[in-house]
Amino acid sequence: MNLLNRSYREQLKNNNIIIEQATTLDGRKVWYIIEVCEHRKPLLCHYPKGKVIDINDIGRILKSGWGEFPDDEVLKDFL
């Protein structure tokens, strides 16, 4: 398992790109790299932890995959 380091998080955040993690109904981990619309960024601050988010309300999915975090090679494409 690869842990996402803080520098990646900061760089992605500065580019309106976030990583969201979720668990499927059958218990598998999944991650999404999402480009957040600038005018929708404030909405993210108001979502309670654990609330279901319709990604189309905040932006668009750029990439997704199985596991806890994307690996470094995937992240480099978005920096």
PDB file of N, CA and C in Angstrom:
ATOM      1  N   MET A   1       0.838  -1.177   0.000  1.00  0.00           N
ATOM      2  CA  MET A   1       0.000   0.000   0.000  1.00  0.00           C
ATOM      3  C   MET A   1       0.887   1.246   0.000  1.00  0.00           C
ATOM      4  N   ASN A   2       0.533   2.193  -0.816  1.00  0.00           N
ATOM      5  CA  ASN A   2       1.272   3.449  -0.918  1.00  0.00           C
ATOM      6  C   ASN A   2       0.522   4.530  -0.147  1.00  0.00           C
ATOM      7  N   LEU A   3       1.213   5.253   0.711  1.00  0.00           N
ATOM      8  CA  LEU A   3       0.583   6.351   1.435  1.00  0.00           C
ATOM      9  C   LEU A   3       0.845   7.653   0.703  1.00  0.00           C
ATOM     10  N   LEU A   4      -0.194   8.411   0.500  1.00  0.00           N
ATOM     11  CA  LEU A   4      -0.092   9.687  -0.193  1.00  0.00           C
ATOM     12  C   LEU A   4       0.592  10.693   0.719  1.00  0.00           C
ATOM     13  N   ASN A   5       1.714  11.243   0.269  1.00  0.00           N
ATOM     14  CA  ASN A   5       2.413  12.181   1.154  1.00  0.00           C
ATOM     15  C   ASN A   5       1.849  13.593   1.035  1.00  0.00           C
ATOM     16  N   ARG A   6       2.169  14.409   1.994  1.00  0.00           N
ATOM     17  CA  ARG A   6       1.594  15.751   2.105  1.00  0.00           C
ATOM     18  C   ARG A   6       1.906  16.622   0.892  1.00  0.00           C
ATOM     19  N   SER A   7       3.101  16.511   0.322  1.00  0.00           N
ATOM     20  CA  SER A   7       3.431  17.372  -0.815  1.00  0.00           C
ATOM     21  C   SER A   7       2.513  17.081  -1.999  1.00  0.00           C
ATOM     22  N   TYR A   8       2.194  15.822  -2.230  1.00  0.00           N
ATOM     23  CA  TYR A   8       1.229  15.492  -3.282  1.00  0.00           C
ATOM     24  C   TYR A   8      -0.129  16.106  -2.967  1.00  0.00           C
ATOM     25  N   ARG A   9      -0.572  15.952  -1.721  1.00  0.00           N
ATOM     26  CA  ARG A   9      -1.880  16.499  -1.337  1.00  0.00           C
ATOM     27  C   ARG A   9      -1.937  18.003  -1.583  1.00  0.00           C
ATOM     28  N   GLU A  10      -0.893  18.712  -1.188  1.00  0.00           N
ATOM     29  CA  GLU A  10      -0.872  20.164  -1.351  1.00  0.00           C
ATOM     30  C   GLU A  10      -0.838  20.556  -2.826  1.00  0.00           C
ATOM     31  N   GLN A  11      -0.021  19.875  -3.608  1.00  0.00           N
ATOM     32  CA  GLN A  11       0.070  20.204  -5.028  1.00  0.00           C
ATOM     33  C   GLN A  11      -1.247  19.940  -5.736  1.00  0.00           C
ATOM     34  N   LEU A  12      -1.881  18.820  -5.424  1.00  0.00           N
ATOM     35  CA  LEU A  12      -3.154  18.496  -6.051  1.00  0.00           C
ATOM     36  C   LEU A  12      -4.219  19.514  -5.653  1.00  0.00           C
ATOM     37  N   LYS A  13      -4.261  19.851  -4.383  1.00  0.00           N
ATOM     38  CA  LYS A  13      -5.241  20.810  -3.874  1.00  0.00           C
ATOM     39  C   LYS A  13      -5.090  22.158  -4.566  1.00  0.00           C
ATOM     40  N   ASN A  14      -3.860  22.577  -4.797  1.00  0.00           N
ATOM     41  CA  ASN A  14      -3.609  23.855  -5.459  1.00  0.00           C
ATOM     42  C   ASN A  14      -4.057  23.850  -6.913  1.00  0.00           C
ATOM     43  N   ASN A  15      -4.228  22.679  -7.494  1.00  0.00           N
ATOM     44  CA  ASN A  15      -4.660  22.564  -8.887  1.00  0.00           C
ATOM     45  C   ASN A  15      -6.136  22.207  -9.006  1.00  0.00           C
ATOM     46  N   ASN A  16      -6.919  22.398  -7.944  1.00  0.00           N
ATOM     47  CA  ASN A  16      -8.343  22.054  -7.930  1.00  0.00           C
ATOM     48  C   ASN A  16      -8.583  20.571  -8.161  1.00  0.00           C
ATOM     49  N   ILE A  17      -7.634  19.754  -7.757  1.00  0.00           N
ATOM     50  CA  ILE A  17      -7.775  18.308  -7.886  1.00  0.00           C
ATOM     51  C   ILE A  17      -7.732  17.706  -6.492  1.00  0.00           C
ATOM     52  N   ILE A  18      -8.699  16.840  -6.211  1.00  0.00           N
ATOM     53  CA  ILE A  18      -8.744  16.182  -4.910  1.00  0.00           C
ATOM     54  C   ILE A  18      -8.803  14.672  -5.103  1.00  0.00           C
ATOM     55  N   ILE A  19      -8.456  13.965  -4.057  1.00  0.00           N
ATOM     56  CA  ILE A  19      -8.590  12.513  -4.044  1.00  0.00           C
ATOM     57  C   ILE A  19      -9.635  12.168  -2.996  1.00  0.00           C
ATOM     58  N   GLU A  20     -10.665  11.477  -3.422  1.00  0.00           N
ATOM     59  CA  GLU A  20     -11.701  11.014  -2.506  1.00  0.00           C
ATOM     60  C   GLU A  20     -11.599   9.505  -2.406  1.00  0.00           C
ATOM     61  N   GLN A  21     -11.787   9.011  -1.204  1.00  0.00           N
ATOM     62  CA  GLN A  21     -11.742   7.572  -0.964  1.00  0.00           C
ATOM     63  C   GLN A  21     -13.120   7.116  -0.530  1.00  0.00           C
ATOM     64  N   ALA A  22     -13.463   5.900  -0.902  1.00  0.00           N
ATOM     65  CA  ALA A  22     -14.775   5.362  -0.554  1.00  0.00           C
ATOM     66  C   ALA A  22     -14.665   3.857  -0.366  1.00  0.00           C
ATOM     67  N   THR A  23     -15.733   3.291   0.135  1.00  0.00           N
ATOM     68  CA  THR A  23     -15.845   1.847   0.279  1.00  0.00           C
ATOM     69  C   THR A  23     -17.119   1.424  -0.436  1.00  0.00           C
ATOM     70  N   THR A  24     -17.011   0.409  -1.281  1.00  0.00           N
ATOM     71  CA  THR A  24     -18.183  -0.085  -1.995  1.00  0.00           C
ATOM     72  C   THR A  24     -19.098  -0.826  -1.028  1.00  0.00           C
ATOM     73  N   LEU A  25     -20.303  -1.135  -1.476  1.00  0.00           N
ATOM     74  CA  LEU A  25     -21.256  -1.846  -0.623  1.00  0.00           C
ATOM     75  C   LEU A  25     -20.744  -3.212  -0.191  1.00  0.00           C
ATOM     76  N   ASP A  26     -19.864  -3.807  -1.003  1.00  0.00           N
ATOM     77  CA  ASP A  26     -19.314  -5.116  -0.625  1.00  0.00           C
ATOM     78  C   ASP A  26     -17.980  -4.991   0.125  1.00  0.00           C
ATOM     79  N   GLY A  27     -17.628  -3.764   0.553  1.00  0.00           N
ATOM     80  CA  GLY A  27     -16.478  -3.566   1.431  1.00  0.00           C
ATOM     81  C   GLY A  27     -15.141  -3.314   0.761  1.00  0.00           C
ATOM     82  N   ARG A  28     -15.104  -3.180  -0.555  1.00  0.00           N
ATOM     83  CA  ARG A  28     -13.836  -2.913  -1.240  1.00  0.00           C
ATOM     84  C   ARG A  28     -13.534  -1.420  -1.248  1.00  0.00           C
ATOM     85  N   LYS A  29     -12.247  -1.090  -1.119  1.00  0.00           N
ATOM     86  CA  LYS A  29     -11.792   0.306  -1.139  1.00  0.00           C
ATOM     87  C   LYS A  29     -11.644   0.776  -2.584  1.00  0.00           C
ATOM     88  N   VAL A  30     -11.997   2.026  -2.818  1.00  0.00           N
ATOM     89  CA  VAL A  30     -11.871   2.632  -4.138  1.00  0.00           C
ATOM     90  C   VAL A  30     -11.464   4.097  -3.949  1.00  0.00           C
ATOM     91  N   TRP A  31     -10.713   4.635  -4.899  1.00  0.00           N
ATOM     92  CA  TRP A  31     -10.319   6.043  -4.858  1.00  0.00           C
ATOM     93  C   TRP A  31     -10.709   6.714  -6.169  1.00  0.00           C
ATOM     94  N   TYR A  32     -10.908   8.022  -6.082  1.00  0.00           N
ATOM     95  CA  TYR A  32     -11.248   8.838  -7.248  1.00  0.00           C
ATOM     96  C   TYR A  32     -10.368  10.076  -7.245  1.00  0.00           C
ATOM     97  N   ILE A  33      -9.833  10.421  -8.393  1.00  0.00           N
ATOM     98  CA  ILE A  33      -9.160  11.707  -8.563  1.00  0.00           C
ATOM     99  C   ILE A  33     -10.174  12.592  -9.273  1.00  0.00           C
ATOM    100  N   ILE A  34     -10.511  13.704  -8.623  1.00  0.00           N
ATOM    101  CA  ILE A  34     -11.608  14.552  -9.091  1.00  0.00           C
ATOM    102  C   ILE A  34     -11.103  15.968  -9.336  1.00  0.00           C
ATOM    103  N   GLU A  35     -11.461  16.508 -10.486  1.00  0.00           N
ATOM    104  CA  GLU A  35     -11.211  17.922 -10.756  1.00  0.00           C
ATOM    105  C   GLU A  35     -12.425  18.694 -10.243  1.00  0.00           C
ATOM    106  N   VAL A  36     -12.201  19.540  -9.258  1.00  0.00           N
ATOM    107  CA  VAL A  36     -13.287  20.275  -8.616  1.00  0.00           C
ATOM    108  C   VAL A  36     -13.481  21.616  -9.313  1.00  0.00           C
ATOM    109  N   CYS A  37     -14.728  21.931  -9.653  1.00  0.00           N
ATOM    110  CA  CYS A  37     -15.044  23.242 -10.221  1.00  0.00           C
ATOM    111  C   CYS A  37     -14.737  24.306  -9.181  1.00  0.00           C
ATOM    112  N   GLU A  38     -14.100  25.365  -9.610  1.00  0.00           N
ATOM    113  CA  GLU A  38     -13.684  26.425  -8.681  1.00  0.00           C
ATOM    114  C   GLU A  38     -14.856  26.942  -7.849  1.00  0.00           C
ATOM    115  N   HIS A  39     -15.991  27.166  -8.481  1.00  0.00           N
ATOM    116  CA  HIS A  39     -17.136  27.722  -7.749  1.00  0.00           C
ATOM    117  C   HIS A  39     -17.816  26.690  -6.843  1.00  0.00           C
ATOM    118  N   ARG A  40     -17.435  25.415  -6.963  1.00  0.00           N
ATOM    119  CA  ARG A  40     -18.006  24.364  -6.107  1.00  0.00           C
ATOM    120  C   ARG A  40     -17.108  24.008  -4.923  1.00  0.00           C
ATOM    121  N   LYS A  41     -15.889  24.506  -4.906  1.00  0.00           N
ATOM    122  CA  LYS A  41     -14.956  24.185  -3.819  1.00  0.00           C
ATOM    123  C   LYS A  41     -15.534  24.452  -2.427  1.00  0.00           C
ATOM    124  N   PRO A  42     -16.215  25.576  -2.219  1.00  0.00           N
ATOM    125  CA  PRO A  42     -16.757  25.828  -0.880  1.00  0.00           C
ATOM    126  C   PRO A  42     -17.747  24.761  -0.409  1.00  0.00           C
ATOM    127  N   LEU A  43     -18.424  24.091  -1.329  1.00  0.00           N
ATOM    128  CA  LEU A  43     -19.367  23.039  -0.940  1.00  0.00           C
ATOM    129  C   LEU A  43     -18.680  21.911  -0.185  1.00  0.00           C
ATOM    130  N   LEU A  44     -17.439  21.627  -0.543  1.00  0.00           N
ATOM    131  CA  LEU A  44     -16.726  20.519   0.094  1.00  0.00           C
ATOM    132  C   LEU A  44     -16.538  20.751   1.585  1.00  0.00           C
ATOM    133  N   CYS A  45     -16.407  21.991   1.980  1.00  0.00           N
ATOM    134  CA  CYS A  45     -16.209  22.305   3.399  1.00  0.00           C
ATOM    135  C   CYS A  45     -17.446  21.988   4.225  1.00  0.00           C
ATOM    136  N   HIS A  46     -18.595  21.928   3.592  1.00  0.00           N
ATOM    137  CA  HIS A  46     -19.850  21.747   4.319  1.00  0.00           C
ATOM    138  C   HIS A  46     -20.369  20.313   4.308  1.00  0.00           C
ATOM    139  N   TYR A  47     -19.709  19.417   3.569  1.00  0.00           N
ATOM    140  CA  TYR A  47     -20.143  18.022   3.560  1.00  0.00           C
ATOM    141  C   TYR A  47     -19.685  17.343   4.843  1.00  0.00           C
ATOM    142  N   PRO A  48     -20.610  16.771   5.599  1.00  0.00           N
ATOM    143  CA  PRO A  48     -20.195  16.031   6.799  1.00  0.00           C
ATOM    144  C   PRO A  48     -19.435  14.763   6.414  1.00  0.00           C
ATOM    145  N   LYS A  49     -18.494  14.366   7.259  1.00  0.00           N
ATOM    146  CA  LYS A  49     -17.734  13.145   7.012  1.00  0.00           C
ATOM    147  C   LYS A  49     -18.700  11.961   6.931  1.00  0.00           C
ATOM    148  N   GLY A  50     -18.516  11.135   5.924  1.00  0.00           N
ATOM    149  CA  GLY A  50     -19.360   9.960   5.752  1.00  0.00           C
ATOM    150  C   GLY A  50     -20.589  10.198   4.892  1.00  0.00           C
ATOM    151  N   LYS A  51     -20.868  11.442   4.541  1.00  0.00           N
ATOM    152  CA  LYS A  51     -22.030  11.744   3.707  1.00  0.00           C
ATOM    153  C   LYS A  51     -21.760  11.307   2.272  1.00  0.00           C
ATOM    154  N   VAL A  52     -22.782  10.791   1.636  1.00  0.00           N
ATOM    155  CA  VAL A  52     -22.676  10.396   0.233  1.00  0.00           C
ATOM    156  C   VAL A  52     -22.621  11.667  -0.621  1.00  0.00           C
ATOM    157  N   ILE A  53     -21.625  11.722  -1.495  1.00  0.00           N
ATOM    158  CA  ILE A  53     -21.437  12.886  -2.361  1.00  0.00           C
ATOM    159  C   ILE A  53     -21.682  12.469  -3.803  1.00  0.00           C
ATOM    160  N   ASP A  54     -22.495  13.234  -4.510  1.00  0.00           N
ATOM    161  CA  ASP A  54     -22.639  13.044  -5.951  1.00  0.00           C
ATOM    162  C   ASP A  54     -21.499  13.827  -6.593  1.00  0.00           C
ATOM    163  N   ILE A  55     -20.548  13.114  -7.151  1.00  0.00           N
ATOM    164  CA  ILE A  55     -19.353  13.761  -7.698  1.00  0.00           C
ATOM    165  C   ILE A  55     -19.708  14.787  -8.766  1.00  0.00           C
ATOM    166  N   ASN A  56     -20.788  14.564  -9.489  1.00  0.00           N
ATOM    167  CA  ASN A  56     -21.200  15.522 -10.511  1.00  0.00           C
ATOM    168  C   ASN A  56     -21.584  16.874  -9.915  1.00  0.00           C
ATOM    169  N   ASP A  57     -21.881  16.909  -8.621  1.00  0.00           N
ATOM    170  CA  ASP A  57     -22.200  18.178  -7.961  1.00  0.00           C
ATOM    171  C   ASP A  57     -20.963  19.034  -7.720  1.00  0.00           C
ATOM    172  N   ILE A  58     -19.785  18.418  -7.691  1.00  0.00           N
ATOM    173  CA  ILE A  58     -18.574  19.172  -7.360  1.00  0.00           C
ATOM    174  C   ILE A  58     -17.555  19.240  -8.489  1.00  0.00           C
ATOM    175  N   GLY A  59     -17.659  18.365  -9.478  1.00  0.00           N
ATOM    176  CA  GLY A  59     -16.670  18.368 -10.553  1.00  0.00           C
ATOM    177  C   GLY A  59     -16.792  17.138 -11.428  1.00  0.00           C
ATOM    178  N   ARG A  60     -15.625  16.644 -11.883  1.00  0.00           N
ATOM    179  CA  ARG A  60     -15.651  15.457 -12.750  1.00  0.00           C
ATOM    180  C   ARG A  60     -14.518  14.508 -12.375  1.00  0.00           C
ATOM    181  N   ILE A  61     -14.760  13.226 -12.594  1.00  0.00           N
ATOM    182  CA  ILE A  61     -13.766  12.198 -12.289  1.00  0.00           C
ATOM    183  C   ILE A  61     -12.719  12.182 -13.393  1.00  0.00           C
ATOM    184  N   LEU A  62     -11.462  12.308 -12.996  1.00  0.00           N
ATOM    185  CA  LEU A  62     -10.357  12.225 -13.950  1.00  0.00           C
ATOM    186  C   LEU A  62      -9.813  10.806 -14.029  1.00  0.00           C
ATOM    187  N   LYS A  63      -9.830  10.113 -12.897  1.00  0.00           N
ATOM    188  CA  LYS A  63      -9.303   8.746 -12.845  1.00  0.00           C
ATOM    189  C   LYS A  63      -9.830   8.092 -11.571  1.00  0.00           C
ATOM    190  N   SER A  64      -9.951   6.770 -11.594  1.00  0.00           N
ATOM    191  CA  SER A  64     -10.363   6.032 -10.400  1.00  0.00           C
ATOM    192  C   SER A  64      -9.684   4.674 -10.408  1.00  0.00           C
ATOM    193  N   GLY A  65      -9.682   4.043  -9.250  1.00  0.00           N
ATOM    194  CA  GLY A  65      -9.068   2.720  -9.156  1.00  0.00           C
ATOM    195  C   GLY A  65      -9.368   2.061  -7.827  1.00  0.00           C
ATOM    196  N   TRP A  66      -8.977   0.806  -7.711  1.00  0.00           N
ATOM    197  CA  TRP A  66      -9.202   0.031  -6.497  1.00  0.00           C
ATOM    198  C   TRP A  66      -8.054   0.217  -5.521  1.00  0.00           C
ATOM    199  N   GLY A  67      -8.348   0.183  -4.245  1.00  0.00           N
ATOM    200  CA  GLY A  67      -7.344   0.295  -3.197  1.00  0.00           C
ATOM    201  C   GLY A  67      -7.540   1.556  -2.378  1.00  0.00           C
ATOM    202  N   GLU A  68      -6.623   1.767  -1.439  1.00  0.00           N
ATOM    203  CA  GLU A  68      -6.713   2.920  -0.537  1.00  0.00           C
ATOM    204  C   GLU A  68      -6.323   4.222  -1.236  1.00  0.00           C
ATOM    205  N   PHE A  69      -5.209   4.202  -1.990  1.00  0.00           N
ATOM    206  CA  PHE A  69      -4.673   5.400  -2.631  1.00  0.00           C
ATOM    207  C   PHE A  69      -4.160   5.045  -4.019  1.00  0.00           C
ATOM    208  N   PRO A  70      -4.137   6.032  -4.927  1.00  0.00           N
ATOM    209  CA  PRO A  70      -3.461   5.807  -6.205  1.00  0.00           C
ATOM    210  C   PRO A  70      -1.952   5.737  -5.979  1.00  0.00           C
ATOM    211  N   ASP A  71      -1.257   5.026  -6.846  1.00  0.00           N
ATOM    212  CA  ASP A  71       0.199   4.951  -6.678  1.00  0.00           C
ATOM    213  C   ASP A  71       0.861   6.213  -7.244  1.00  0.00           C
ATOM    214  N   ASP A  72       2.143   6.350  -6.986  1.00  0.00           N
ATOM    215  CA  ASP A  72       2.882   7.554  -7.381  1.00  0.00           C
ATOM    216  C   ASP A  72       2.824   7.813  -8.883  1.00  0.00           C
ATOM    217  N   GLU A  73       2.881   6.768  -9.683  1.00  0.00           N
ATOM    218  CA  GLU A  73       2.858   6.948 -11.139  1.00  0.00           C
ATOM    219  C   GLU A  73       1.551   7.585 -11.596  1.00  0.00           C
ATOM    220  N   VAL A  74       0.452   7.196 -10.991  1.00  0.00           N
ATOM    221  CA  VAL A  74      -0.844   7.788 -11.329  1.00  0.00           C
ATOM    222  C   VAL A  74      -0.865   9.255 -10.911  1.00  0.00           C
ATOM    223  N   LEU A  75      -0.385   9.546  -9.725  1.00  0.00           N
ATOM    224  CA  LEU A  75      -0.421  10.915  -9.205  1.00  0.00           C
ATOM    225  C   LEU A  75       0.428  11.876 -10.023  1.00  0.00           C
ATOM    226  N   LYS A  76       1.548  11.406 -10.538  1.00  0.00           N
ATOM    227  CA  LYS A  76       2.443  12.280 -11.315  1.00  0.00           C
ATOM    228  C   LYS A  76       1.740  12.863 -12.534  1.00  0.00           C
ATOM    229  N   ASP A  77       0.757  12.151 -13.070  1.00  0.00           N
ATOM    230  CA  ASP A  77       0.014  12.648 -14.230  1.00  0.00           C
ATOM    231  C   ASP A  77      -0.819  13.889 -13.911  1.00  0.00           C
ATOM    232  N   PHE A  78      -1.048  14.141 -12.632  1.00  0.00           N
ATOM    233  CA  PHE A  78      -1.940  15.229 -12.243  1.00  0.00           C
ATOM    234  C   PHE A  78      -1.233  16.379 -11.541  1.00  0.00           C
ATOM    235  N   LEU A  79       0.086  16.340 -11.497  1.00  0.00           N
ATOM    236  CA  LEU A  79       0.838  17.406 -10.831  1.00  0.00           C
ATOM    237  C   LEU A  79       1.300  18.442 -11.829  1.00  0.00           C
TER     238      LEU A  79
END
